[in-house]
Every structure is written in C-alpha cells, then in structure tokens.
Amino acid sequence: MFKLINNTKIAYFIFGLTFLTCSLVSCSKFLNVESESALSGNNFFKTPDDFEKYMGGIYNQFRTYTMSTAMFFVATGDYRSAPYIGVTNRADRDYLMTLPNNDLLSTLQDRTWSSMFTPITDWSSFFKIIASCNILIDNLNKEDGELNEQQIKQYKGEAVFMRNLCYFFMARLYGNIPYYTDAYHTAPLVRENMVSVLNKCIKDMSSATNDLPWTYVDPSKVGVRAMRGSALDLLMHMNMWCATFDQANAEKYWNATDSLGKVLLNDNQGAYELLPYNDFRAIFLGGSKEGLFEIEQDVNKGETFTLKATYADDLMHAPYKNNAESFGRIDSKFMETWFPKGQADLRANGPDPWFQNIYSDNFSFMVLKYIDVAVLSQGAYGTPNDNQIVFRLPDAILLRAEALDHLGNEAEAIKMLNLVRDRAGAADYHDGETAGWNLSDAIFNERCKELVGEGYYYYDLVRTKRILDSKFCAHPISAEAFSQGAWTWPISKNALTNSPGMTLNTYWQ
C-alpha cells in the first residue's frame, strides 16, 4: 500500500529497507548498506559513494518490482490480447487463456499465480521509485562540493530517466495518472490526463537527455544504467503514444519521433549498432551495442529473476526443461502471417532459429530466442540467463519507420524497415508483398517478429488501434469498450487510501 511520504526520516527508512533487500538477494552490482539507520537522516549524502549507492538502489527497486514481485513484462506486454494458446490440463497455467482473452478479472482471481498479477494493479511500486528519484534529484540540486558538475548531471539524468520511465509505464497501464516531481510529496494524489502527463515527461526528459553518456567505459554498466540512447528511445515511445491519444497534434509527435530517431541512429558516436544475426545470443545475454536499456540477471552471481517473470518459461520443453511439451504456443495462423511459409527469414527457418516447430498446432512448439543451455540444463526450474530487454535498437528503428510512414516519407520508412529485415536475412519490403497489407502493416508485423517476447506486442496493438481489428489481434476489443478503458489495467483500491476522492478505472469495476 502506498503511503505518501511526509517526512525525511520515513523516506530514507523506506529506501534503507530497499537496500537491505538488495543485500539479502546478493545484488552484487550495487553496494550494500549495513542497516536502515544509515539512510535515515538528512545527512546521508556525504560522499560520492552515497550517491552511487542511492542510484543503484533505484535501479534495484525497478528490477525487484518488474522481475520478482510481478510477472510484469509477460503479463502486460506479451500475453494480453495476443495469439497465445495455453494447455487445458494445467490449472496453474490458465493465465495463458485469460490474458490472451483480455479477461483481467479472471486473471486476478485467487488462483495459483494471482500473486504475480495483482501487484500490477497497485501503482505504489512505481510511485516509490518516483519518490526515490525525486529525493535524489532534490539532493543533487543541493549538492555543495562532493560531486563534480559532470557527476551531478549524470546522476540527475539517470534519475530523471527512471522517473519518466515509471510514468510512461503507468500511462500505458492505467491511462490517466497522478503526476508530481517534488521530494517528500504530501498532498492527495489526483489523476491527470495521460497526454498532459506525458507531455510534462517529454519536457522533463528532454532537459536531461544530453547529460547522459552515449555509453559507459565500464562494460558492467552498459545497458543496465541509463544511457543517452535509453532516453532517446523513451522519448520516441512517449511521442508515439501521445500521437494516438492526441490526434489533433499527431504530426508534431511524429516529427519529434523522426528527429529523435535520426539523432539516435546517426549521432551516437559508435555506441550502438545492429549485431549480426549469428550473434543474437550476445544481445540477450546483455551489455551489447544493440541494447539501449535492460534489466540484468546473472546466475553465476546468484542474481536471477523469478521464474514466472520470464517469457521463456511457458514456451519451452525438453530437452531444455523437464516438461515434455510447452505450456503454451503461438497460434499458427499468426505465425504464418508473421513468417509466411517459404520466405527466407533466419528467425523462422535459419540454421539457428528463434522457434522450433514454428507452425505447429500442438505444444511441440517452442521459443528458442532466449535459451541458454547451460542454465536450462538445471531442469524444470531452470531459467535462461538472459537480461530482460526494455529498449533495443530495432525498436527505435521501427518506431522511426512508423513515424516516417505517417509523415508520408515512404522511401525513408522502407529504408528503416529494411535495416531490420536485412539483419534477419529476410527480403526487402516491396509494394503488394502481402495482399491487403500496406507499409504500415508491414512495419507493425516486423515489430511482432523482431520484438516477440520483449513486452511490446500488446502496447503496439493499443498504440496503433489494431487492437480493434481481428486481422491483427487474436482477441480484439470493440471501439466502445476501448473508449471505456478496456485497454487499461484495473487500479487497486489501495490508491484511495490517501486520496479518497480519486476515481479508479470504471471499466473494470
């Protein structure tokens, strides 16, 4: 339950507990704090090391919520309204039927894995991260000599990025949301129009983006600490989301996305590039030049995600796991749409493909995109040793292609689309390649193929309004239901604790 922080001591005590948790689960990337009392006063920020610890704790808060507390990326971005079919003889996997059917109320009922879904309805975890970011920024603004100017700018840039990432995730989950940036916020929370909030986030993020480095000299920080590419991709996403829900100003957002993408791709000083397809395992193991922001795990350091938070768990079987069949599969009709039979594509039919039995109508189907055999050999409860991708370069390339297509620059949009296709060994785009599908559809389908299992599919359906169309969505919702908020998640009644006048998402009531 989210308690509004009303004094400094409580704020630091809560954050101290975050570090204690980090210590208990062996978060080796971030320095441990011996006790909560070390963070319980106004004078905590005494040395540069204190700022580093605090920033590390913010990343750990985000990691703990999304990859331990909740089945976050899989439930919100991969399975919902998606073409997944689950086994019928496993009550503990029935979310593979309820989430694809957009039946959130059944998903949240008291059942085997409901504890992994109910935290998604409670935005308190995001607001705790935001509160930590606000406190750090407040102390950076008061900093008087412990840090140099470059350090202040970088920490502030990282905190601003994490704050706005949380607001963006909440907007996609709940629609209208509260917004504040002051430290130790005490006033009751009021939900604000989503587009208004995101425009504030765009302004906030724009002011801090150039203070972030393109990459890091220390390879252990690459991808898992905010970089300039992380910020640019986040800005592109926020602009494209606004373009859907603020159609009167859509062209402004598309132009912004195009400009941001151009900077990201052309001015990154060699920090980012598409890796060759045969290096794709390096992409998902993390820290590659293709990763823009990701959440780290490393089984060799005892740092693993909760098994159910990973996409691969339901979609693999022997010899990588003990179960004879996968617990779920992707509807073969959609697989044939994404990867037409007979067409070259290394992801579908290369020597090291992302799928096994790709067009199967049974549970011999398997996703191999994230396998790491050494880890999976542990058996039924093994998990791939891959980072959770949040932002990756092909995402930014295809977002720019989408914006360019909207702006009428078809040639440049096709060029962007073909960058991703060429890497996958697929044929370049040409008019009429699929009857009844235009360039916009081809870009959407490329996102389905390239970003499968990375938490994008549902949000792309909503953002492009394809969630209304059965041609693209296995379980579409009606325009009326969409307008009533069927695309959102329910909001926990805990949100009313300190803000009793707030209205929750009425569709789910």
Protein backbone atom coordinates (compact mmCIF):
# COMPACT_ATOMS: atom_id res chain seq x y z
CA MET A 1 0.00 0.00 0.00
CA PHE A 2 1.40 3.36 -0.99
CA LYS A 3 1.81 5.75 1.94
CA LEU A 4 2.59 9.30 0.94
CA ILE A 5 5.98 10.23 2.31
CA ASN A 6 5.57 13.13 4.70
CA ASN A 7 8.98 13.48 6.28
CA THR A 8 12.61 12.89 5.53
CA LYS A 9 13.20 10.15 8.09
CA ILE A 10 10.39 7.95 6.78
CA ALA A 11 11.57 8.44 3.21
CA TYR A 12 15.10 7.32 3.97
CA PHE A 13 13.91 4.48 6.19
CA ILE A 14 11.84 3.08 3.31
CA PHE A 15 14.78 3.43 0.98
CA GLY A 16 17.08 1.81 3.52
CA LEU A 17 14.85 -1.24 3.51
CA THR A 18 15.23 -1.36 -0.25
CA PHE A 19 18.99 -1.65 0.17
CA LEU A 20 18.62 -4.29 2.86
CA THR A 21 16.54 -6.32 0.43
CA CYS A 22 19.23 -5.84 -2.18
CA SER A 23 21.81 -7.19 0.27
CA LEU A 24 19.74 -10.26 1.06
CA VAL A 25 19.33 -11.24 -2.61
CA SER A 26 23.02 -10.63 -3.42
CA CYS A 27 22.70 -7.67 -5.78
CA SER A 28 26.40 -7.53 -6.47
CA LYS A 29 26.16 -4.61 -8.91
CA PHE A 30 25.15 -2.26 -6.10
CA LEU A 31 26.94 -1.67 -2.82
CA ASN A 32 25.18 -2.91 0.29
CA VAL A 33 24.12 -0.81 3.26
CA GLU A 34 24.57 -2.28 6.71
CA SER A 35 21.34 -1.04 8.26
CA GLU A 36 18.38 1.16 7.59
CA SER A 37 19.71 3.70 10.11
CA ALA A 38 22.47 4.51 7.65
CA LEU A 39 19.87 6.10 5.40
CA SER A 40 17.57 7.62 7.98
CA GLY A 41 18.66 11.23 8.19
CA ASN A 42 19.11 14.46 6.32
CA ASN A 43 22.86 13.97 6.20
CA PHE A 44 23.02 10.68 4.32
CA PHE A 45 24.50 12.17 1.13
CA LYS A 46 28.01 12.81 2.45
CA THR A 47 30.25 11.22 -0.16
CA PRO A 48 30.17 10.41 -3.89
CA ASP A 49 29.78 6.77 -2.88
CA ASP A 50 26.49 7.61 -1.14
CA PHE A 51 25.05 8.99 -4.39
CA GLU A 52 26.22 5.87 -6.25
CA LYS A 53 24.57 3.59 -3.68
CA TYR A 54 21.33 5.52 -3.86
CA MET A 55 21.24 5.46 -7.65
CA GLY A 56 21.94 1.73 -7.61
CA GLY A 57 19.07 1.25 -5.19
CA ILE A 58 16.67 2.96 -7.60
CA TYR A 59 17.56 0.51 -10.35
CA ASN A 60 17.15 -2.34 -7.89
CA GLN A 61 13.67 -1.13 -6.91
CA PHE A 62 12.67 -1.27 -10.56
CA ARG A 63 14.26 -4.69 -11.05
CA THR A 64 12.62 -6.16 -7.95
CA TYR A 65 9.13 -5.00 -8.91
CA THR A 66 9.19 -5.97 -12.58
CA MET A 67 11.16 -9.22 -12.36
CA SER A 68 10.41 -10.58 -8.87
CA THR A 69 7.24 -9.08 -7.41
CA ALA A 70 5.17 -9.16 -10.60
CA MET A 71 5.01 -11.12 -13.86
CA PHE A 72 5.23 -7.66 -15.36
CA PHE A 73 6.53 -7.68 -18.93
CA VAL A 74 4.97 -11.03 -19.85
CA ALA A 75 1.53 -10.27 -18.43
CA THR A 76 1.21 -6.67 -19.59
CA GLY A 77 3.04 -6.69 -22.92
CA ASP A 78 3.36 -10.22 -24.28
CA TYR A 79 0.26 -12.29 -23.49
CA ARG A 80 -2.57 -9.78 -23.26
CA SER A 81 -4.93 -9.90 -26.29
CA ALA A 82 -2.18 -11.85 -28.04
CA PRO A 83 -2.38 -15.02 -30.17
CA TYR A 84 -1.32 -17.42 -27.42
CA ILE A 85 -2.99 -20.74 -26.71
CA GLY A 86 -2.41 -22.50 -23.41
CA VAL A 87 -2.67 -26.12 -22.36
CA THR A 88 -6.08 -27.03 -20.94
CA ASN A 89 -4.94 -29.58 -18.39
CA ARG A 90 -2.93 -27.25 -16.16
CA ALA A 91 -4.87 -25.03 -13.76
CA ASP A 92 -1.62 -23.31 -12.83
CA ARG A 93 -1.22 -22.07 -16.42
CA ASP A 94 -4.74 -20.79 -17.05
CA TYR A 95 -3.40 -17.25 -17.43
CA LEU A 96 -2.33 -18.43 -20.89
CA MET A 97 -6.05 -18.38 -21.69
CA THR A 98 -7.36 -15.50 -19.56
CA LEU A 99 -4.69 -12.92 -20.50
CA PRO A 100 -4.98 -13.53 -24.27
CA ASN A 101 -8.75 -13.13 -23.91
CA ASN A 102 -8.24 -9.78 -22.12
CA ASP A 103 -10.04 -11.33 -19.12
CA LEU A 104 -8.15 -9.47 -16.44
CA LEU A 105 -10.72 -10.05 -13.73
CA SER A 106 -10.38 -13.83 -14.03
CA THR A 107 -6.61 -13.48 -14.18
CA LEU A 108 -6.65 -11.58 -10.89
CA GLN A 109 -8.86 -14.08 -9.05
CA ASP A 110 -7.36 -16.11 -6.23
CA ARG A 111 -5.51 -18.86 -8.07
CA THR A 112 -2.04 -20.36 -8.37
CA TRP A 113 -0.26 -17.37 -9.84
CA SER A 114 -2.58 -14.48 -8.96
CA SER A 115 0.10 -13.11 -6.63
CA MET A 116 2.19 -12.36 -9.73
CA PHE A 117 -0.62 -10.32 -11.35
CA THR A 118 -2.29 -8.39 -8.51
CA PRO A 119 0.80 -6.18 -7.93
CA ILE A 120 0.31 -4.82 -11.46
CA THR A 121 -2.95 -3.19 -10.32
CA ASP A 122 -1.17 -1.37 -7.50
CA TRP A 123 0.83 1.58 -8.78
CA SER A 124 2.55 2.08 -5.42
CA SER A 125 5.73 0.32 -6.56
CA PHE A 126 6.13 2.84 -9.36
CA PHE A 127 5.44 5.75 -7.06
CA LYS A 128 8.03 4.50 -4.57
CA ILE A 129 10.61 4.52 -7.37
CA ILE A 130 9.45 8.00 -8.42
CA ALA A 131 9.71 9.19 -4.81
CA SER A 132 13.29 7.88 -4.64
CA CYS A 133 14.15 9.67 -7.89
CA ASN A 134 12.65 12.92 -6.62
CA ILE A 135 14.64 12.68 -3.38
CA LEU A 136 17.88 12.07 -5.26
CA ILE A 137 17.27 14.98 -7.63
CA ASP A 138 16.45 17.24 -4.68
CA ASN A 139 19.73 16.34 -3.01
CA LEU A 140 21.67 16.76 -6.25
CA ASN A 141 20.22 20.26 -6.56
CA LYS A 142 21.55 20.99 -3.04
CA GLU A 143 24.92 19.32 -3.59
CA ASP A 144 27.80 21.54 -2.45
CA GLY A 145 31.11 20.04 -3.45
CA GLU A 146 31.13 16.28 -3.02
CA LEU A 147 30.38 15.75 -6.72
CA ASN A 148 31.78 17.47 -9.78
CA GLU A 149 29.48 19.03 -12.36
CA GLN A 150 29.64 16.03 -14.69
CA GLN A 151 28.69 13.62 -11.89
CA ILE A 152 25.74 15.80 -10.85
CA LYS A 153 24.45 15.94 -14.42
CA GLN A 154 24.79 12.21 -14.96
CA TYR A 155 23.08 11.16 -11.72
CA LYS A 156 20.34 13.69 -12.37
CA GLY A 157 19.96 12.37 -15.92
CA GLU A 158 19.66 8.79 -14.65
CA ALA A 159 17.11 9.76 -12.00
CA VAL A 160 15.05 11.78 -14.49
CA PHE A 161 15.11 8.82 -16.88
CA MET A 162 13.91 6.37 -14.24
CA ARG A 163 11.21 8.78 -13.08
CA ASN A 164 9.86 9.22 -16.59
CA LEU A 165 10.16 5.53 -17.43
CA CYS A 166 7.86 4.84 -14.48
CA TYR A 167 5.36 7.49 -15.56
CA PHE A 168 5.38 6.13 -19.11
CA PHE A 169 4.78 2.57 -17.93
CA MET A 170 1.93 3.76 -15.71
CA ALA A 171 0.31 5.73 -18.53
CA ARG A 172 0.29 2.61 -20.71
CA LEU A 173 -1.16 0.57 -17.86
CA TYR A 174 -3.76 2.86 -16.31
CA GLY A 175 -4.37 5.78 -18.67
CA ASN A 176 -4.80 8.94 -16.61
CA ILE A 177 -2.39 9.02 -13.66
CA PRO A 178 -1.18 11.33 -10.87
CA TYR A 179 1.98 13.31 -11.51
CA TYR A 180 4.43 15.05 -9.21
CA THR A 181 8.16 15.74 -9.12
CA ASP A 182 8.64 17.32 -5.68
CA ALA A 183 10.52 15.42 -2.99
CA TYR A 184 8.54 14.28 0.09
CA HIS A 185 5.17 14.78 -1.58
CA THR A 186 2.29 15.05 0.94
CA ALA A 187 -0.77 16.30 -0.96
CA PRO A 188 -3.52 13.85 -2.01
CA LEU A 189 -2.97 12.41 -5.47
CA VAL A 190 -5.26 13.41 -8.33
CA ARG A 191 -5.33 11.64 -11.68
CA GLU A 192 -4.30 13.90 -14.55
CA ASN A 193 -4.97 13.48 -18.27
CA MET A 194 -2.48 10.96 -19.63
CA VAL A 195 -1.40 13.10 -22.59
CA SER A 196 -0.81 16.07 -20.29
CA VAL A 197 1.37 13.91 -18.03
CA LEU A 198 3.38 12.51 -20.92
CA ASN A 199 3.97 15.99 -22.35
CA LYS A 200 5.38 17.00 -18.97
CA CYS A 201 7.55 13.88 -19.06
CA ILE A 202 8.76 14.71 -22.57
CA LYS A 203 9.79 18.18 -21.43
CA ASP A 204 11.45 16.81 -18.29
CA MET A 205 13.27 14.06 -20.19
CA SER A 206 14.37 16.38 -22.99
CA SER A 207 16.15 18.63 -20.50
CA ALA A 208 18.24 15.76 -19.12
CA THR A 209 18.93 13.56 -22.16
CA ASN A 210 22.19 15.24 -23.23
CA ASP A 211 23.60 14.88 -19.69
CA LEU A 212 23.65 11.10 -20.12
CA PRO A 213 26.63 9.39 -21.81
CA TRP A 214 26.16 7.54 -25.08
CA THR A 215 27.68 4.52 -23.37
CA TYR A 216 30.00 3.61 -20.49
CA VAL A 217 33.68 2.70 -20.35
CA ASP A 218 32.83 0.18 -17.62
CA PRO A 219 31.19 -2.74 -19.51
CA SER A 220 29.23 -3.77 -16.39
CA LYS A 221 27.18 -0.55 -16.73
CA VAL A 222 26.42 -0.79 -20.46
CA GLY A 223 22.69 -1.21 -21.00
CA VAL A 224 21.80 -1.63 -17.33
CA ARG A 225 22.44 2.03 -16.48
CA ALA A 226 20.56 4.73 -18.36
CA MET A 227 22.38 6.00 -21.45
CA ARG A 228 21.55 8.72 -23.94
CA GLY A 229 20.14 6.06 -26.25
CA SER A 230 17.84 4.88 -23.44
CA ALA A 231 16.48 8.39 -23.06
CA LEU A 232 16.03 8.96 -26.80
CA ASP A 233 14.10 5.70 -27.22
CA LEU A 234 11.90 6.53 -24.23
CA LEU A 235 11.16 9.94 -25.76
CA MET A 236 10.26 8.27 -29.06
CA HIS A 237 7.84 5.93 -27.29
CA MET A 238 6.19 8.76 -25.35
CA ASN A 239 5.72 10.79 -28.52
CA MET A 240 4.24 7.86 -30.45
CA TRP A 241 1.85 7.07 -27.58
CA CYS A 242 0.70 10.69 -27.49
CA ALA A 243 0.17 10.70 -31.25
CA THR A 244 -2.58 8.09 -30.79
CA PHE A 245 -4.38 9.79 -27.93
CA ASP A 246 -3.84 13.39 -29.04
CA GLN A 247 -4.64 13.07 -32.72
CA ALA A 248 -5.07 16.81 -33.27
CA ASN A 249 -1.33 17.16 -32.65
CA ALA A 250 -0.22 13.83 -34.09
CA GLU A 251 2.03 15.36 -36.73
CA LYS A 252 4.04 17.16 -34.04
CA TYR A 253 4.69 13.87 -32.25
CA TRP A 254 5.60 12.03 -35.45
CA ASN A 255 8.08 14.75 -36.38
CA ALA A 256 9.60 14.57 -32.91
CA THR A 257 9.94 10.79 -33.18
CA ASP A 258 11.63 11.10 -36.56
CA SER A 259 14.09 13.71 -35.24
CA LEU A 260 14.89 11.73 -32.10
CA GLY A 261 15.41 8.57 -34.12
CA LYS A 262 17.71 10.37 -36.53
CA VAL A 263 19.90 11.54 -33.64
CA LEU A 264 19.90 8.09 -32.06
CA LEU A 265 20.91 6.34 -35.27
CA ASN A 266 23.28 8.89 -36.82
CA ASP A 267 24.91 10.77 -33.94
CA ASN A 268 25.61 8.03 -31.39
CA GLN A 269 29.42 8.15 -31.80
CA GLY A 270 29.56 4.41 -32.49
CA ALA A 271 27.86 3.47 -29.23
CA TYR A 272 25.05 1.45 -30.85
CA GLU A 273 24.73 -0.87 -33.81
CA LEU A 274 22.75 -3.87 -35.01
CA LEU A 275 24.71 -7.02 -34.32
CA PRO A 276 24.90 -9.76 -36.96
CA TYR A 277 22.12 -12.30 -36.59
CA ASN A 278 24.53 -15.08 -35.62
CA ASP A 279 25.44 -13.02 -32.53
CA PHE A 280 21.84 -12.76 -31.30
CA ARG A 281 22.56 -14.67 -28.09
CA ALA A 282 25.02 -11.93 -27.11
CA ILE A 283 22.19 -9.39 -27.49
CA PHE A 284 20.01 -11.09 -24.91
CA LEU A 285 22.83 -12.02 -22.56
CA GLY A 286 23.14 -8.26 -22.24
CA GLY A 287 25.57 -5.38 -22.47
CA SER A 288 25.77 -5.44 -26.26
CA LYS A 289 25.94 -2.44 -28.60
CA GLU A 290 22.35 -3.20 -29.60
CA GLY A 291 20.91 -2.85 -26.10
CA LEU A 292 19.58 0.55 -25.07
CA PHE A 293 18.19 -0.34 -21.63
CA GLU A 294 17.81 -3.71 -19.96
CA ILE A 295 17.44 -5.39 -16.58
CA GLU A 296 20.32 -7.63 -15.63
CA GLN A 297 20.42 -11.15 -14.30
CA ASP A 298 23.46 -13.36 -13.86
CA VAL A 299 23.03 -16.86 -12.49
CA ASN A 300 26.77 -17.09 -11.81
CA LYS A 301 26.39 -14.31 -9.24
CA GLY A 302 23.18 -15.67 -7.75
CA GLU A 303 21.18 -12.89 -9.41
CA THR A 304 18.20 -14.48 -11.16
CA PHE A 305 14.71 -13.32 -11.95
CA THR A 306 11.66 -15.03 -10.54
CA LEU A 307 10.96 -17.86 -12.98
CA LYS A 308 7.40 -16.74 -13.81
CA ALA A 309 8.62 -13.25 -14.73
CA THR A 310 10.44 -14.64 -17.75
CA TYR A 311 8.82 -15.10 -21.14
CA ALA A 312 10.67 -18.31 -21.96
CA ASP A 313 9.32 -20.34 -19.02
CA ASP A 314 5.95 -21.25 -20.59
CA LEU A 315 7.22 -21.75 -24.13
CA MET A 316 9.99 -24.34 -23.82
CA HIS A 317 10.13 -28.05 -23.13
CA ALA A 318 12.56 -30.99 -23.18
CA PRO A 319 15.47 -31.18 -23.73
CA TYR A 320 15.76 -27.72 -22.17
CA LYS A 321 13.21 -28.29 -19.41
CA ASN A 322 11.72 -31.38 -17.82
CA ASN A 323 8.21 -30.97 -19.26
CA ALA A 324 7.58 -32.99 -22.44
CA GLU A 325 5.62 -30.17 -24.10
CA SER A 326 5.45 -26.40 -23.81
CA PHE A 327 2.66 -24.98 -21.67
CA GLY A 328 1.72 -22.54 -24.42
CA ARG A 329 2.16 -21.81 -28.10
CA ILE A 330 1.54 -19.02 -30.59
CA ASP A 331 -1.46 -19.55 -32.86
CA SER A 332 -0.12 -20.98 -36.14
CA LYS A 333 -2.36 -18.63 -38.15
CA PHE A 334 -0.46 -15.66 -36.77
CA MET A 335 2.91 -17.34 -37.16
CA GLU A 336 2.13 -17.85 -40.85
CA THR A 337 1.18 -14.18 -41.10
CA TRP A 338 4.35 -13.01 -39.42
CA PHE A 339 6.62 -15.54 -41.14
CA PRO A 340 4.98 -16.69 -44.40
CA LYS A 341 5.96 -20.22 -45.36
CA GLY A 342 8.67 -20.42 -47.99
CA GLN A 343 10.02 -16.91 -47.37
CA ALA A 344 13.59 -16.61 -46.13
CA ASP A 345 13.98 -15.35 -42.57
CA LEU A 346 16.72 -16.52 -40.22
CA ARG A 347 14.43 -16.02 -37.22
CA ALA A 348 11.97 -18.57 -38.61
CA ASN A 349 13.91 -21.01 -40.75
CA GLY A 350 17.63 -20.33 -40.43
CA PRO A 351 20.22 -22.72 -39.03
CA ASP A 352 19.78 -21.22 -35.54
CA PRO A 353 16.12 -20.08 -35.50
CA TRP A 354 14.12 -18.40 -32.74
CA PHE A 355 11.41 -21.08 -32.90
CA GLN A 356 11.05 -24.85 -33.07
CA ASN A 357 8.04 -26.37 -34.85
CA ILE A 358 7.07 -22.81 -35.70
CA TYR A 359 3.77 -23.61 -37.45
CA SER A 360 2.72 -26.41 -35.09
CA ASP A 361 -0.85 -26.72 -33.84
CA ASN A 362 0.31 -28.67 -30.82
CA PHE A 363 2.59 -27.99 -27.89
CA SER A 364 5.73 -29.27 -29.54
CA PHE A 365 6.07 -25.56 -30.43
CA MET A 366 8.93 -23.83 -28.66
CA VAL A 367 10.54 -20.38 -28.49
CA LEU A 368 14.33 -20.64 -28.56
CA LYS A 369 15.08 -16.92 -28.74
CA TYR A 370 16.31 -16.79 -25.13
CA ILE A 371 17.75 -20.23 -24.49
CA ASP A 372 20.98 -20.66 -22.62
CA VAL A 373 21.53 -24.40 -22.45
CA ALA A 374 23.96 -24.30 -19.55
CA VAL A 375 21.33 -22.77 -17.32
CA LEU A 376 18.33 -24.65 -18.67
CA SER A 377 20.05 -27.96 -18.00
CA GLN A 378 19.12 -27.40 -14.36
CA GLY A 379 15.76 -28.94 -15.29
CA ALA A 380 12.15 -27.88 -14.89
CA TYR A 381 13.01 -24.86 -12.79
CA GLY A 382 15.96 -23.65 -14.79
CA THR A 383 15.66 -20.24 -16.36
CA PRO A 384 17.52 -18.65 -19.27
CA ASN A 385 20.40 -16.49 -18.19
CA ASP A 386 19.28 -13.54 -20.31
CA ASN A 387 18.69 -9.93 -19.42
CA GLN A 388 15.16 -8.55 -19.68
CA ILE A 389 15.19 -6.18 -22.63
CA VAL A 390 13.36 -2.89 -22.03
CA PHE A 391 14.63 -0.94 -25.07
CA ARG A 392 16.67 -2.26 -28.01
CA LEU A 393 17.92 -0.59 -31.19
CA PRO A 394 15.49 -2.36 -33.61
CA ASP A 395 12.62 -0.96 -31.54
CA ALA A 396 13.84 2.60 -32.14
CA ILE A 397 14.48 1.91 -35.86
CA LEU A 398 10.93 0.60 -36.37
CA LEU A 399 9.36 3.41 -34.33
CA ARG A 400 11.08 5.88 -36.62
CA ALA A 401 9.88 3.90 -39.67
CA GLU A 402 6.34 4.15 -38.33
CA ALA A 403 6.59 7.90 -37.79
CA LEU A 404 8.10 8.43 -41.25
CA ASP A 405 5.28 6.44 -42.84
CA HIS A 406 2.71 8.63 -41.08
CA LEU A 407 4.56 11.72 -42.35
CA GLY A 408 4.41 10.46 -45.93
CA ASN A 409 8.14 9.78 -46.25
CA GLU A 410 7.67 6.26 -47.57
CA ALA A 411 11.16 5.86 -49.02
CA GLU A 412 12.89 6.58 -45.73
CA ALA A 413 10.36 4.46 -43.81
CA ILE A 414 11.13 1.50 -46.08
CA LYS A 415 14.85 2.09 -45.58
CA MET A 416 14.37 1.82 -41.80
CA LEU A 417 12.21 -1.28 -42.15
CA ASN A 418 14.78 -2.96 -44.35
CA LEU A 419 17.57 -2.36 -41.83
CA VAL A 420 15.84 -4.80 -39.51
CA ARG A 421 14.83 -7.20 -42.27
CA ASP A 422 18.30 -7.32 -43.78
CA ARG A 423 19.86 -8.27 -40.45
CA ALA A 424 17.36 -11.15 -40.20
CA GLY A 425 18.15 -12.39 -43.71
CA ALA A 426 14.63 -11.51 -44.92
CA ALA A 427 13.74 -9.99 -48.29
CA ASP A 428 13.45 -6.21 -48.58
CA TYR A 429 9.97 -4.71 -48.48
CA HIS A 430 8.13 -4.18 -51.76
CA ASP A 431 4.65 -2.86 -52.55
CA GLY A 432 1.99 -5.51 -52.57
CA GLU A 433 4.16 -8.15 -50.91
CA THR A 434 1.11 -9.32 -48.98
CA ALA A 435 -2.35 -8.80 -50.43
CA GLY A 436 -4.37 -6.29 -48.43
CA TRP A 437 -1.40 -5.13 -46.34
CA ASN A 438 0.25 -1.72 -46.67
CA LEU A 439 3.59 -0.37 -45.47
CA SER A 440 2.17 0.50 -42.05
CA ASP A 441 1.02 -3.11 -41.65
CA ALA A 442 4.44 -4.38 -42.69
CA ILE A 443 6.14 -2.22 -40.04
CA PHE A 444 3.70 -3.48 -37.40
CA ASN A 445 4.33 -7.10 -38.43
CA GLU A 446 8.07 -6.54 -38.30
CA ARG A 447 7.71 -5.37 -34.71
CA CYS A 448 5.71 -8.53 -33.95
CA LYS A 449 8.51 -10.67 -35.38
CA GLU A 450 11.60 -8.89 -34.16
CA LEU A 451 10.37 -7.97 -30.67
CA VAL A 452 8.46 -11.14 -29.79
CA GLY A 453 8.73 -11.86 -26.08
CA GLU A 454 10.13 -8.41 -25.23
CA GLY A 455 6.92 -6.93 -23.81
CA TYR A 456 5.82 -4.84 -26.82
CA TYR A 457 3.01 -6.66 -28.61
CA TYR A 458 0.01 -5.51 -26.56
CA TYR A 459 1.15 -1.91 -26.37
CA ASP A 460 1.70 -1.84 -30.13
CA LEU A 461 -1.86 -3.11 -30.61
CA VAL A 462 -3.21 -0.30 -28.43
CA ARG A 463 -0.94 2.41 -29.81
CA THR A 464 -1.83 1.63 -33.42
CA LYS A 465 -5.50 0.87 -32.63
CA ARG A 466 -5.03 -2.55 -34.23
CA ILE A 467 -6.46 -3.98 -31.05
CA LEU A 468 -9.84 -3.23 -32.66
CA ASP A 469 -9.10 -5.39 -35.73
CA SER A 470 -9.18 -9.21 -35.79
CA LYS A 471 -6.76 -9.22 -38.71
CA PHE A 472 -4.02 -8.15 -36.31
CA CYS A 473 -5.40 -9.04 -32.89
CA ALA A 474 -6.38 -12.57 -31.89
CA HIS A 475 -8.84 -11.25 -29.31
CA PRO A 476 -9.92 -7.74 -30.37
CA ILE A 477 -11.97 -5.38 -28.25
CA SER A 478 -14.75 -3.16 -29.56
CA ALA A 479 -14.36 0.56 -30.17
CA GLU A 480 -16.92 1.22 -27.43
CA ALA A 481 -15.04 -0.94 -24.92
CA PHE A 482 -11.77 0.75 -25.92
CA SER A 483 -13.26 4.19 -25.25
CA GLN A 484 -14.46 2.96 -21.86
CA GLY A 485 -10.97 1.87 -20.85
CA ALA A 486 -10.90 -1.85 -21.71
CA TRP A 487 -7.28 -1.39 -22.82
CA THR A 488 -6.16 -0.35 -19.31
CA TRP A 489 -5.48 -2.40 -16.18
CA PRO A 490 -7.68 -2.16 -13.09
CA ILE A 491 -6.33 0.13 -10.37
CA SER A 492 -6.15 -1.25 -6.84
CA LYS A 493 -8.38 0.35 -4.21
CA ASN A 494 -5.18 0.95 -2.26
CA ALA A 495 -4.84 4.07 -4.42
CA LEU A 496 -7.73 5.58 -2.46
CA THR A 497 -6.00 5.26 0.94
CA ASN A 498 -4.58 8.77 0.92
CA SER A 499 -6.70 10.09 -1.94
CA PRO A 500 -10.30 9.04 -1.18
CA GLY A 501 -11.76 11.30 -3.88
CA MET A 502 -9.85 9.68 -6.72
CA THR A 503 -11.75 7.78 -9.43
CA LEU A 504 -10.45 4.36 -10.42
CA ASN A 505 -10.77 2.76 -13.86
CA THR A 506 -14.53 2.29 -14.05
CA TYR A 507 -14.46 -0.28 -16.88
CA TRP A 508 -13.01 -2.88 -14.53
CA GLN A 509 -15.47 -2.11 -11.74
